[in-house]
């Protein structure tokens, strides 16, 4: 196949093929991570973002390139995960703009779309860095534009694009010294090339099917899915719809679909009845309350297997119908009244989640390293929090862009994303949160503490490498001081001790030690004793975070 004009069906086919090829090879992209830590998730984020776009156009047949482009853009933007996913979504969102008012597109219009995508992606990054996916996309499209004519074969144009993209990728270590030192090319650029290879393969008639996910992939994917609803809560409610609020049944079904299954939504002009099986009944209730007031509520706990009615308010015309689940009741919940402030954060680990909730967080998104939430996850979280002003604390540099992008897509609430890019920063910022202050004042104080807190992390190396002058061996423990690897040792305690020495100085007042699920109490006590002896003026707090990947997280103020 060597088309000179592309229609909606072909556009859909090449995007889908490129996305599937990336999905089938995403672990290779993960392994290109510069830092030898077990959180290389560029490939996972990119493929998840692209597949979100594919899902948004899956049902379209015989549509214009404009309609395919619009749906693709929306799906990508809302499904974007991590910095790499957000940048990728911007590349293709800009790409779709070239198809406005078009039923089909020729090669020049196709390449113009790629150009618009580059411009939009550069504009979305505050400080764009060369030697990344941005460079690869820009240099590739500049070369393709030189040969693109109205009657050019798209296949030949895309071959030129791919040839230059590969050449540009090979040059990325010359632009970014950290890539050269680590002996890798840019992972985002490599992921883009795999997508383009799949698009070219589709033009030549070679179509891919998704490979069966590995046990590792299934475990990662499970982090974003609702638990098996054999256990959970059968949640029913009836809403008296507020005529001033725009009720959208399809939107409500989609929102509930992210929380559970067995969904039934029946509505007329005045009332809406909902049934859903979910692990988070409070979230379902908060979503429902957006559209009006509750006339009836009923929740059944399907795990505890005993019957107890929790909350059941009668309607004017009698009791509501029940949904026969065959499960029992037993759960307490609270429907929030509207507040001045609401707080959303991203964190992994039962202890850390409990800590953040105790500090006033209203909604915790389960995620972080290797589990970056999407833009849509943030949008959904905001909708569950009944507050005028919502603060999002990302706690991860690779989550920050998705959170910011979500904030830009929310019109009915004031959403502020705090620049907390580590859990220690997020934790410290919450110690300054004061719900009685004015918004500007409390945000300013939280930001000030984020700027001053020191963040330390202990994890392990996934490969041999050399970085920052350190010889790192696979499976060594790594001590990371504010993003810089300062220690690499075979012994975990020696590593965290060295990290503490790097973080603490004469001006340090408080150190908070958050330890992970595999750290025993004796090791924590040994570390506390060392700090008490070596830095007697420093106050010490310990938290059993139960987090994965990072054995220790240290916050020093």
Protein backbone atom coordinates (compact mmCIF):
# COMPACT_ATOMS: atom_id res chain seq x y z
CA UNK A 1 0.00 0.00 0.00
CA UNK A 2 1.45 3.36 -1.03
CA UNK A 3 -1.33 5.96 -0.67
CA UNK A 4 -1.14 9.58 -1.69
CA UNK A 5 -4.31 10.38 0.30
CA UNK A 6 -5.22 9.09 3.74
CA UNK A 7 -8.81 8.68 4.94
CA UNK A 8 -10.19 8.13 8.43
CA UNK A 9 -10.01 4.35 8.27
CA UNK A 10 -6.36 4.38 7.24
CA UNK A 11 -5.48 7.00 9.85
CA UNK A 12 -7.10 4.81 12.48
CA UNK A 13 -5.24 1.73 11.22
CA UNK A 14 -1.77 3.27 11.25
CA UNK A 15 -2.22 4.84 14.70
CA UNK A 16 -3.49 1.56 16.11
CA UNK A 17 -0.66 -0.44 14.55
CA UNK A 18 1.98 1.94 15.88
CA UNK A 19 0.45 1.84 19.33
CA UNK A 20 0.30 -1.94 19.42
CA UNK A 21 3.91 -2.24 18.28
CA UNK A 22 4.93 0.06 21.13
CA UNK A 23 2.82 -1.88 23.60
CA UNK A 24 4.44 -5.15 22.50
CA UNK A 25 7.92 -3.65 22.93
CA UNK A 26 7.46 -1.20 25.78
CA UNK A 27 9.72 -3.07 28.22
CA UNK A 28 12.67 -2.45 25.90
CA UNK A 29 11.97 1.28 26.25
CA UNK A 30 11.66 0.98 30.03
CA UNK A 31 15.12 -0.57 30.13
CA UNK A 32 16.66 2.55 28.53
CA UNK A 33 16.13 4.51 31.75
CA UNK A 34 19.17 6.71 32.45
CA UNK A 35 19.19 6.01 36.16
CA UNK A 36 19.70 2.34 37.04
CA UNK A 37 16.72 2.32 39.40
CA UNK A 38 13.65 0.04 39.25
CA UNK A 39 11.27 2.77 38.15
CA UNK A 40 12.03 2.94 34.45
CA UNK A 41 8.50 3.40 33.14
CA UNK A 42 8.85 5.55 30.02
CA UNK A 43 7.73 2.71 27.77
CA UNK A 44 4.84 1.79 30.05
CA UNK A 45 3.65 5.38 30.18
CA UNK A 46 3.93 5.91 26.43
CA UNK A 47 2.13 2.71 25.47
CA UNK A 48 -0.63 3.33 28.02
CA UNK A 49 -1.09 6.84 26.64
CA UNK A 50 -1.23 5.63 23.03
CA UNK A 51 -3.62 2.78 23.81
CA UNK A 52 -5.93 5.28 25.50
CA UNK A 53 -6.01 7.14 22.20
CA UNK A 54 -6.65 3.92 20.30
CA UNK A 55 -9.56 3.05 22.58
CA UNK A 56 -11.11 6.44 21.85
CA UNK A 57 -11.25 5.74 18.07
CA UNK A 58 -11.85 1.98 18.15
CA UNK A 59 -15.56 2.22 17.34
CA UNK A 60 -15.22 4.65 14.43
CA UNK A 61 -15.75 3.36 10.90
CA UNK A 62 -15.77 5.34 7.63
CA UNK A 63 -15.31 8.67 9.41
CA UNK A 64 -13.33 11.73 8.29
CA UNK A 65 -9.73 12.30 9.31
CA UNK A 66 -11.00 15.34 11.21
CA UNK A 67 -13.32 13.24 13.39
CA UNK A 68 -10.69 10.54 13.95
CA UNK A 69 -8.13 13.20 14.81
CA UNK A 70 -10.38 14.95 17.34
CA UNK A 71 -11.28 11.73 19.15
CA UNK A 72 -7.67 10.56 19.11
CA UNK A 73 -6.47 13.86 20.54
CA UNK A 74 -8.99 13.78 23.37
CA UNK A 75 -8.24 10.16 24.23
CA UNK A 76 -4.50 10.78 24.31
CA UNK A 77 -4.72 13.94 26.36
CA UNK A 78 -6.94 12.41 29.02
CA UNK A 79 -5.05 9.11 29.09
CA UNK A 80 -1.57 10.66 29.28
CA UNK A 81 0.63 9.14 31.99
CA UNK A 82 3.97 10.46 33.13
CA UNK A 83 6.05 13.19 31.50
CA UNK A 84 6.78 11.05 28.45
CA UNK A 85 3.08 10.31 27.98
CA UNK A 86 2.10 13.96 28.30
CA UNK A 87 4.69 15.02 25.71
CA UNK A 88 3.59 12.22 23.39
CA UNK A 89 -0.04 13.26 23.77
CA UNK A 90 0.92 16.82 22.83
CA UNK A 91 2.73 15.61 19.71
CA UNK A 92 -0.37 13.79 18.48
CA UNK A 93 -2.84 16.41 19.71
CA UNK A 94 -1.08 19.02 17.60
CA UNK A 95 -0.92 16.50 14.77
CA UNK A 96 -4.72 16.20 14.79
CA UNK A 97 -5.17 19.96 14.34
CA UNK A 98 -3.97 19.72 10.74
CA UNK A 99 -7.08 17.71 9.86
CA UNK A 100 -9.62 20.39 10.77
CA UNK A 101 -12.39 20.51 8.13
CA UNK A 102 -10.77 17.66 6.18
CA UNK A 103 -12.37 14.41 5.10
CA UNK A 104 -9.06 13.06 3.77
CA UNK A 105 -5.48 14.35 3.93
CA UNK A 106 -2.53 14.31 1.57
CA UNK A 107 1.13 13.97 2.51
CA UNK A 108 1.70 17.70 2.95
CA UNK A 109 -1.26 17.97 5.33
CA UNK A 110 -0.08 14.87 7.20
CA UNK A 111 3.43 16.34 7.64
CA UNK A 112 1.96 19.69 8.65
CA UNK A 113 0.20 17.82 11.43
CA UNK A 114 3.50 16.38 12.60
CA UNK A 115 4.92 19.92 12.59
CA UNK A 116 2.02 21.29 14.63
CA UNK A 117 2.56 18.46 17.08
CA UNK A 118 6.20 19.40 17.59
CA UNK A 119 5.26 23.03 18.18
CA UNK A 120 2.60 22.09 20.71
CA UNK A 121 4.89 19.66 22.54
CA UNK A 122 7.68 22.23 22.85
CA UNK A 123 5.14 24.75 24.14
CA UNK A 124 3.88 22.33 26.79
CA UNK A 125 7.32 21.93 28.40
CA UNK A 126 8.47 24.89 30.49
CA UNK A 127 12.17 24.29 29.89
CA UNK A 128 12.48 22.00 26.85
CA UNK A 129 15.72 20.02 26.72
CA UNK A 130 17.41 18.94 23.52
CA UNK A 131 18.53 15.35 23.18
CA UNK A 132 15.05 14.08 24.00
CA UNK A 133 11.92 12.95 22.16
CA UNK A 134 11.35 16.61 21.29
CA UNK A 135 14.58 16.74 19.30
CA UNK A 136 13.89 13.45 17.55
CA UNK A 137 10.38 14.55 16.51
CA UNK A 138 11.52 17.99 15.36
CA UNK A 139 14.50 16.86 13.29
CA UNK A 140 12.53 13.99 11.73
CA UNK A 141 9.63 16.14 10.57
CA UNK A 142 11.96 18.86 9.25
CA UNK A 143 13.54 16.26 6.97
CA UNK A 144 10.20 14.77 5.91
CA UNK A 145 8.87 18.22 5.03
CA UNK A 146 11.64 18.66 2.46
CA UNK A 147 10.21 15.92 0.23
CA UNK A 148 6.49 16.13 1.01
CA UNK A 149 4.35 17.30 -1.93
CA UNK A 150 0.60 17.24 -2.44
CA UNK A 151 0.93 14.16 -4.65
CA UNK A 152 3.71 12.44 -2.68
CA UNK A 153 3.37 8.84 -1.54
CA UNK A 154 2.85 8.90 2.21
CA UNK A 155 4.92 5.73 2.54
CA UNK A 156 8.00 7.41 1.09
CA UNK A 157 7.51 10.50 3.23
CA UNK A 158 7.22 8.40 6.38
CA UNK A 159 10.31 6.40 5.44
CA UNK A 160 12.23 9.66 5.28
CA UNK A 161 10.79 10.67 8.64
CA UNK A 162 11.83 7.34 10.19
CA UNK A 163 15.34 7.45 8.70
CA UNK A 164 16.00 10.89 10.19
CA UNK A 165 14.37 9.95 13.49
CA UNK A 166 16.81 7.05 13.86
CA UNK A 167 19.74 9.30 13.01
CA UNK A 168 18.53 11.91 15.49
CA UNK A 169 18.12 9.30 18.21
CA UNK A 170 21.73 8.20 17.75
CA UNK A 171 22.80 11.82 18.27
CA UNK A 172 20.92 12.28 21.55
CA UNK A 173 23.90 11.23 23.75
CA UNK A 174 25.93 14.04 22.16
CA UNK A 175 23.31 16.54 23.32
CA UNK A 176 22.74 15.12 26.79
CA UNK A 177 25.94 14.12 28.65
CA UNK A 178 23.97 12.01 31.13
CA UNK A 179 22.88 9.76 28.25
CA UNK A 180 26.46 9.32 27.08
CA UNK A 181 27.72 8.58 30.58
CA UNK A 182 25.02 5.95 31.05
CA UNK A 183 25.56 4.44 27.59
CA UNK A 184 21.95 4.83 26.44
CA UNK A 185 19.93 6.87 23.94
CA UNK A 186 16.84 8.85 24.88
CA UNK A 187 14.04 6.46 25.83
CA UNK A 188 11.19 8.75 24.75
CA UNK A 189 12.74 9.19 21.31
CA UNK A 190 13.20 5.44 21.01
CA UNK A 191 9.53 4.92 21.88
CA UNK A 192 8.43 7.41 19.22
CA UNK A 193 10.46 5.52 16.61
CA UNK A 194 8.73 2.24 17.49
CA UNK A 195 5.36 3.94 16.98
CA UNK A 196 6.44 5.27 13.59
CA UNK A 197 7.77 1.84 12.59
CA UNK A 198 4.35 0.37 13.38
CA UNK A 199 2.63 3.09 11.35
CA UNK A 200 4.89 2.32 8.38
CA UNK A 201 4.23 -1.39 8.75
CA UNK A 202 0.49 -0.71 8.52
CA UNK A 203 1.01 1.24 5.29
CA UNK A 204 2.81 -1.82 3.92
CA UNK A 205 0.04 -4.16 5.04
CA UNK A 206 1.76 -5.63 8.11
CA UNK A 207 -0.69 -5.46 11.01
CA UNK A 208 0.05 -6.41 14.60
CA UNK A 209 -1.93 -8.03 17.37
CA UNK A 210 -1.38 -7.32 21.03
CA UNK A 211 0.88 -9.87 22.69
CA UNK A 212 -0.35 -11.57 25.83
CA UNK A 213 0.83 -9.51 28.83
CA UNK A 214 3.40 -11.04 31.18
CA UNK A 215 2.71 -11.57 34.86
CA UNK A 216 4.78 -8.45 35.51
CA UNK A 217 2.68 -6.40 33.07
CA UNK A 218 -0.55 -7.70 34.59
CA UNK A 219 0.64 -6.69 38.05
CA UNK A 220 1.48 -3.18 36.83
CA UNK A 221 -1.81 -2.82 34.99
CA UNK A 222 -3.70 -4.00 38.07
CA UNK A 223 -2.53 -0.89 39.91
CA UNK A 224 -4.83 1.17 37.67
CA UNK A 225 -7.81 -1.16 37.70
CA UNK A 226 -10.60 -1.70 40.17
CA UNK A 227 -10.19 -4.70 42.43
CA UNK A 228 -12.18 -7.87 41.75
CA UNK A 229 -15.65 -6.96 42.84
CA UNK A 230 -16.39 -10.36 44.27
CA UNK A 231 -15.50 -8.30 47.33
CA UNK A 232 -16.35 -4.67 47.85
CA UNK A 233 -19.52 -2.66 48.32
CA UNK A 234 -22.79 -2.89 46.51
CA UNK A 235 -23.64 0.81 46.34
CA UNK A 236 -27.05 2.20 45.40
CA UNK A 237 -28.38 5.73 45.48
CA UNK A 238 -31.11 7.87 44.02
CA UNK A 239 -30.39 11.49 43.17
CA UNK A 240 -32.94 14.27 42.89
CA UNK A 241 -31.39 16.00 39.88
CA UNK A 242 -30.64 19.70 40.16
CA UNK A 243 -32.06 21.38 37.02
CA UNK A 244 -29.26 23.98 37.12
CA UNK A 245 -26.57 21.33 36.87
CA UNK A 246 -25.85 19.67 33.55
CA UNK A 247 -26.60 15.99 34.03
CA UNK A 248 -24.84 13.72 31.55
CA UNK A 249 -25.72 10.05 31.90
CA UNK A 250 -22.88 8.83 29.66
CA UNK A 251 -20.34 10.83 31.62
CA UNK A 252 -21.68 9.46 34.92
CA UNK A 253 -21.46 5.87 33.63
CA UNK A 254 -17.88 6.47 32.49
CA UNK A 255 -16.91 7.96 35.85
CA UNK A 256 -18.44 5.05 37.74
CA UNK A 257 -16.76 2.62 35.37
CA UNK A 258 -13.41 3.70 36.76
CA UNK A 259 -14.55 2.77 40.25
CA UNK A 260 -16.15 -0.61 39.71
CA UNK A 261 -18.55 -2.76 37.70
CA UNK A 262 -22.14 -4.11 37.68
CA UNK A 263 -23.19 -0.57 36.81
CA UNK A 264 -26.86 0.28 36.26
CA UNK A 265 -27.90 3.91 35.69
CA UNK A 266 -31.54 4.77 35.05
CA UNK A 267 -32.60 8.40 34.75
CA UNK A 268 -35.41 10.67 33.67
CA UNK A 269 -35.67 14.46 33.82
CA UNK A 270 -35.99 14.59 37.61
CA UNK A 271 -34.25 11.63 39.21
CA UNK A 272 -31.36 9.25 38.57
CA UNK A 273 -30.96 5.81 40.12
CA UNK A 274 -27.48 4.26 40.33
CA UNK A 275 -26.19 0.80 41.20
CA UNK A 276 -22.47 -0.05 41.24
CA UNK A 277 -20.14 -2.59 42.86
CA UNK A 278 -17.03 -0.76 44.04
CA UNK A 279 -14.23 -0.75 46.60
CA UNK A 280 -14.76 3.00 47.07
CA UNK A 281 -18.42 3.77 47.78
CA UNK A 282 -17.58 7.22 49.09
CA UNK A 283 -16.06 8.17 45.73
CA UNK A 284 -19.18 6.96 43.93
CA UNK A 285 -21.37 9.02 46.24
CA UNK A 286 -19.28 12.15 45.74
CA UNK A 287 -19.56 11.76 41.97
CA UNK A 288 -23.33 11.36 42.24
CA UNK A 289 -23.70 14.40 44.47
CA UNK A 290 -22.27 16.59 41.71
CA UNK A 291 -25.64 16.32 39.94
CA UNK A 292 -28.04 16.90 42.82
CA UNK A 293 -29.16 15.77 46.27
CA UNK A 294 -29.61 12.23 47.54
CA UNK A 295 -33.15 10.95 47.93
CA UNK A 296 -32.04 7.46 48.97
CA UNK A 297 -28.77 5.73 49.90
CA UNK A 298 -27.93 2.07 50.51
CA UNK A 299 -24.56 0.30 50.73
CA UNK A 300 -23.95 -3.41 51.23
CA UNK A 301 -20.56 -4.76 52.26
CA UNK A 302 -19.93 -7.83 50.09
CA UNK A 303 -16.77 -8.79 51.98
CA UNK A 304 -17.86 -8.99 55.60
CA UNK A 305 -20.83 -11.24 54.81
CA UNK A 306 -23.21 -9.97 57.44
CA UNK A 307 -26.32 -7.83 57.11
CA UNK A 308 -26.61 -4.35 58.54
CA UNK A 309 -28.34 -1.35 56.99
CA UNK A 310 -26.03 1.66 57.08
CA UNK A 311 -27.91 4.60 55.78
CA UNK A 312 -31.35 4.60 54.23
CA UNK A 313 -33.36 7.77 53.83
CA UNK A 314 -36.97 7.37 52.69
CA UNK A 315 -38.39 9.03 49.62
CA UNK A 316 -41.63 10.97 49.55
CA UNK A 317 -43.25 8.22 47.50
CA UNK A 318 -41.98 5.28 49.54
CA UNK A 319 -38.94 3.00 49.69
CA UNK A 320 -36.75 2.62 46.63
CA UNK A 321 -36.35 -0.64 44.77
CA UNK A 322 -33.42 -2.77 45.84
CA UNK A 323 -30.88 -4.50 43.62
CA UNK A 324 -30.67 -8.19 44.51
CA UNK A 325 -26.94 -8.74 45.04
CA UNK A 326 -27.23 -11.46 47.62
CA UNK A 327 -24.61 -9.75 49.77
CA UNK A 328 -24.69 -8.27 53.22
CA UNK A 329 -24.39 -4.78 54.70
CA UNK A 330 -21.71 -3.32 56.91
CA UNK A 331 -19.77 -0.16 56.19
CA UNK A 332 -19.76 3.38 57.46
CA UNK A 333 -19.26 6.36 55.28
CA UNK A 334 -19.62 10.11 55.23
CA UNK A 335 -20.85 12.31 52.41
CA UNK A 336 -18.76 15.48 52.52
CA UNK A 337 -20.35 18.88 52.66
CA UNK A 338 -18.67 21.41 50.38
CA UNK A 339 -15.43 22.67 51.85
CA UNK A 340 -13.13 25.60 51.18
CA UNK A 341 -10.17 23.31 50.49
CA UNK A 342 -9.68 19.78 49.21
CA UNK A 343 -6.38 17.95 48.83
CA UNK A 344 -5.45 15.19 46.39
CA UNK A 345 -2.13 13.36 46.43
CA UNK A 346 -0.39 10.43 44.74
CA UNK A 347 1.31 7.86 46.92
CA UNK A 348 2.05 4.14 47.22
CA UNK A 349 2.21 2.17 50.45
CA UNK A 350 -0.47 1.64 53.09
CA UNK A 351 1.49 3.46 55.79
CA UNK A 352 2.16 6.47 53.59
CA UNK A 353 -1.48 6.58 52.49
CA UNK A 354 -2.65 6.55 56.10
CA UNK A 355 -0.13 9.27 56.98
CA UNK A 356 -1.28 11.58 54.19
CA UNK A 357 -4.94 10.99 55.04
CA UNK A 358 -4.26 11.80 58.69
CA UNK A 359 -2.69 15.06 57.54
CA UNK A 360 -5.89 16.09 55.79
CA UNK A 361 -5.71 14.61 52.29
CA UNK A 362 -9.19 13.96 50.93
CA UNK A 363 -8.33 11.65 48.05
CA UNK A 364 -5.24 9.46 47.59
CA UNK A 365 -4.48 8.20 44.10
CA UNK A 366 -2.62 4.90 44.37
CA UNK A 367 0.52 5.37 42.32
CA UNK A 368 3.93 6.93 41.99
CA UNK A 369 6.98 5.24 40.61
CA UNK A 370 6.09 2.62 37.95
CA UNK A 371 2.41 3.50 38.46
CA UNK A 372 1.92 6.99 37.07
CA UNK A 373 -1.73 8.09 37.10
CA UNK A 374 -3.21 9.53 33.93
CA UNK A 375 -4.65 12.96 33.32
CA UNK A 376 -8.11 11.36 33.50
CA UNK A 377 -7.29 9.84 36.90
CA UNK A 378 -6.65 13.34 38.23
CA UNK A 379 -9.81 14.73 36.61
CA UNK A 380 -11.87 11.93 38.17
CA UNK A 381 -10.23 12.49 41.56
CA UNK A 382 -11.05 16.20 41.46
CA UNK A 383 -14.70 15.38 40.72
CA UNK A 384 -14.91 13.25 43.87
CA UNK A 385 -13.69 16.05 46.14
CA UNK A 386 -16.43 18.46 47.13
CA UNK A 387 -14.44 21.69 47.58
CA UNK A 388 -14.04 25.11 45.98
CA UNK A 389 -10.21 25.02 45.93
CA UNK A 390 -8.36 21.79 45.31
CA UNK A 391 -4.64 21.33 45.89
CA UNK A 392 -2.93 18.49 44.03
CA UNK A 393 0.33 17.20 45.52
CA UNK A 394 1.95 14.95 42.86
CA UNK A 395 4.86 13.66 45.02
CA UNK A 396 6.67 12.57 41.87
CA UNK A 397 8.42 14.47 39.08
CA UNK A 398 7.02 12.05 36.49
CA UNK A 399 3.46 12.72 37.66
CA UNK A 400 3.68 16.50 37.73
CA UNK A 401 2.86 17.16 34.04
CA UNK A 402 -0.22 14.92 34.08
CA UNK A 403 -1.50 16.73 37.15
CA UNK A 404 -0.90 20.14 35.56
CA UNK A 405 -2.61 19.07 32.36
CA UNK A 406 -5.63 17.85 34.32
CA UNK A 407 -5.86 21.18 36.13
CA UNK A 408 -6.02 22.99 32.78
CA UNK A 409 -8.95 20.82 31.72
CA UNK A 410 -11.11 21.54 34.79
CA UNK A 411 -13.30 24.64 34.63
CA UNK A 412 -15.72 24.37 37.53
CA UNK A 413 -13.18 24.23 40.37
CA UNK A 414 -10.03 26.13 41.24
CA UNK A 415 -7.25 23.53 40.98
CA UNK A 416 -3.67 24.26 42.01
CA UNK A 417 -0.80 21.82 41.46
CA UNK A 418 1.92 22.19 44.05
CA UNK A 419 5.51 21.62 42.80
CA UNK A 420 6.10 18.68 45.16
CA UNK A 421 8.08 16.16 43.12
CA UNK A 422 9.05 13.77 45.91
CA UNK A 423 7.12 12.26 48.80
CA UNK A 424 9.34 14.07 51.35
CA UNK A 425 8.46 17.38 49.67
CA UNK A 426 4.76 16.55 49.68
CA UNK A 427 4.90 15.47 53.31
CA UNK A 428 6.71 18.63 54.35
CA UNK A 429 4.30 20.87 52.45
CA UNK A 430 1.32 19.40 54.30
CA UNK A 431 2.85 20.31 57.66
CA UNK A 432 2.32 23.94 56.61
CA UNK A 433 -1.24 23.53 55.33
CA UNK A 434 -3.69 25.72 57.23
CA UNK A 435 -7.33 25.49 56.19
CA UNK A 436 -8.09 28.72 58.03
CA UNK A 437 -5.72 30.79 55.92
CA UNK A 438 -6.49 32.49 52.65
CA UNK A 439 -5.59 30.45 49.58
CA UNK A 440 -2.63 32.58 48.48
CA UNK A 441 -1.04 32.54 51.92
CA UNK A 442 -1.31 28.82 52.55
CA UNK A 443 -0.08 27.91 49.04
CA UNK A 444 2.88 30.28 49.39
CA UNK A 445 3.90 28.76 52.71
CA UNK A 446 3.59 25.23 51.35
CA UNK A 447 5.70 26.12 48.32
CA UNK A 448 8.37 27.70 50.51
CA UNK A 449 8.79 24.51 52.50
CA UNK A 450 8.90 22.44 49.31
CA UNK A 451 11.81 24.59 48.16
CA UNK A 452 13.71 24.10 51.40
CA UNK A 453 13.13 20.46 52.33
CA UNK A 454 15.85 17.96 51.38
CA UNK A 455 14.69 14.68 49.85
CA UNK A 456 16.52 11.37 50.19
CA UNK A 457 15.69 7.96 48.72
CA UNK A 458 17.17 4.49 48.98
CA UNK A 459 16.43 1.96 46.25
CA UNK A 460 18.40 -0.65 44.30
CA UNK A 461 20.22 -0.75 40.96
CA UNK A 462 18.75 -2.76 38.10
CA UNK A 463 21.94 -2.85 36.03
CA UNK A 464 25.67 -2.11 36.07
CA UNK A 465 26.51 1.44 35.07
CA UNK A 466 28.64 4.46 35.82
CA UNK A 467 27.03 7.77 36.72
CA UNK A 468 28.18 10.86 38.61
CA UNK A 469 31.60 9.23 38.86
CA UNK A 470 30.19 6.24 40.77
CA UNK A 471 30.70 2.65 39.65
CA UNK A 472 27.32 1.03 40.23
CA UNK A 473 26.78 -2.72 40.29
CA UNK A 474 23.46 -4.44 39.65
CA UNK A 475 21.51 -5.06 42.88
CA UNK A 476 23.59 -2.50 44.82
CA UNK A 477 21.60 -0.18 47.05
CA UNK A 478 21.56 3.42 45.89
CA UNK A 479 21.39 6.52 48.07
CA UNK A 480 19.82 9.43 46.18
CA UNK A 481 20.19 12.96 47.53
CA UNK A 482 17.74 15.36 45.83
CA UNK A 483 17.92 13.45 42.55
CA UNK A 484 21.67 12.80 42.61
CA UNK A 485 23.08 9.34 43.37
CA UNK A 486 25.58 9.87 46.20
CA UNK A 487 26.07 6.31 47.47
CA UNK A 488 26.16 2.84 45.94
CA UNK A 489 26.78 -0.05 48.34
CA UNK A 490 25.98 -3.73 48.69
CA UNK A 491 24.66 -3.18 52.21
CA UNK A 492 21.35 -1.35 52.67
CA UNK A 493 22.09 0.03 56.13
CA UNK A 494 25.45 1.40 55.04
CA UNK A 495 23.69 3.07 52.11
CA UNK A 496 21.01 4.80 54.18
CA UNK A 497 23.63 5.88 56.73
CA UNK A 498 25.72 7.44 53.97
CA UNK A 499 22.61 9.13 52.59
CA UNK A 500 21.74 10.56 56.02
CA UNK A 501 25.25 11.98 56.28
CA UNK A 502 24.83 13.59 52.87
CA UNK A 503 21.51 15.20 53.82
CA UNK A 504 22.19 16.32 57.39
CA UNK A 505 24.29 19.32 58.41
CA UNK A 506 24.57 21.84 61.25
CA UNK A 507 21.42 23.66 60.11
CA UNK A 508 19.21 20.55 60.02
CA UNK A 509 16.42 20.50 62.58
CA UNK A 510 14.15 17.55 61.72
CA UNK A 511 14.58 14.30 59.83
CA UNK A 512 11.58 12.13 58.98
CA UNK A 513 12.38 8.51 58.12
CA UNK A 514 9.75 6.69 56.08
CA UNK A 515 10.73 3.04 55.75
CA UNK A 516 9.45 0.49 53.25
CA UNK A 517 7.79 -2.90 53.49
CA UNK A 518 10.99 -4.97 53.55
CA UNK A 519 12.81 -2.98 56.25
CA UNK A 520 12.82 -4.52 59.73
CA UNK A 521 12.50 -2.54 62.95
CA UNK A 522 16.01 -3.44 64.16
CA UNK A 523 17.53 -1.70 61.13
CA UNK A 524 15.37 1.38 61.68
CA UNK A 525 16.37 1.49 65.37
CA UNK A 526 20.03 1.22 64.38
CA UNK A 527 19.65 4.17 62.00
CA UNK A 528 17.83 6.25 64.62
CA UNK A 529 20.56 5.51 67.18
CA UNK A 530 23.25 6.56 64.68
CA UNK A 531 21.53 9.88 63.92
CA UNK A 532 20.87 10.59 67.61
CA UNK A 533 24.54 10.02 68.38
CA UNK A 534 26.03 11.83 65.39
CA UNK A 535 23.51 14.67 65.09
CA UNK A 536 22.18 15.17 68.65
CA UNK A 537 20.38 18.44 67.81
CA UNK A 538 18.23 16.84 65.11
CA UNK A 539 14.68 15.76 65.95
CA UNK A 540 13.79 12.33 64.50
CA UNK A 541 10.42 11.02 63.35
CA UNK A 542 9.87 7.54 61.93
CA UNK A 543 6.94 6.36 59.80
CA UNK A 544 6.21 2.79 58.69
CA UNK A 545 5.35 3.68 55.09
CA UNK A 546 5.13 0.12 53.78
CA UNK A 547 6.04 1.49 50.32
CA UNK A 548 7.42 -0.53 47.41
CA UNK A 549 10.70 0.08 45.51
CA UNK A 550 12.12 2.63 47.95
CA UNK A 551 13.42 1.07 51.17
CA UNK A 552 13.78 4.52 52.71
CA UNK A 553 12.43 7.98 52.04
CA UNK A 554 14.07 10.73 54.10
CA UNK A 555 12.82 14.28 54.58
CA UNK A 556 15.20 16.77 56.18
CA UNK A 557 14.10 20.24 57.25
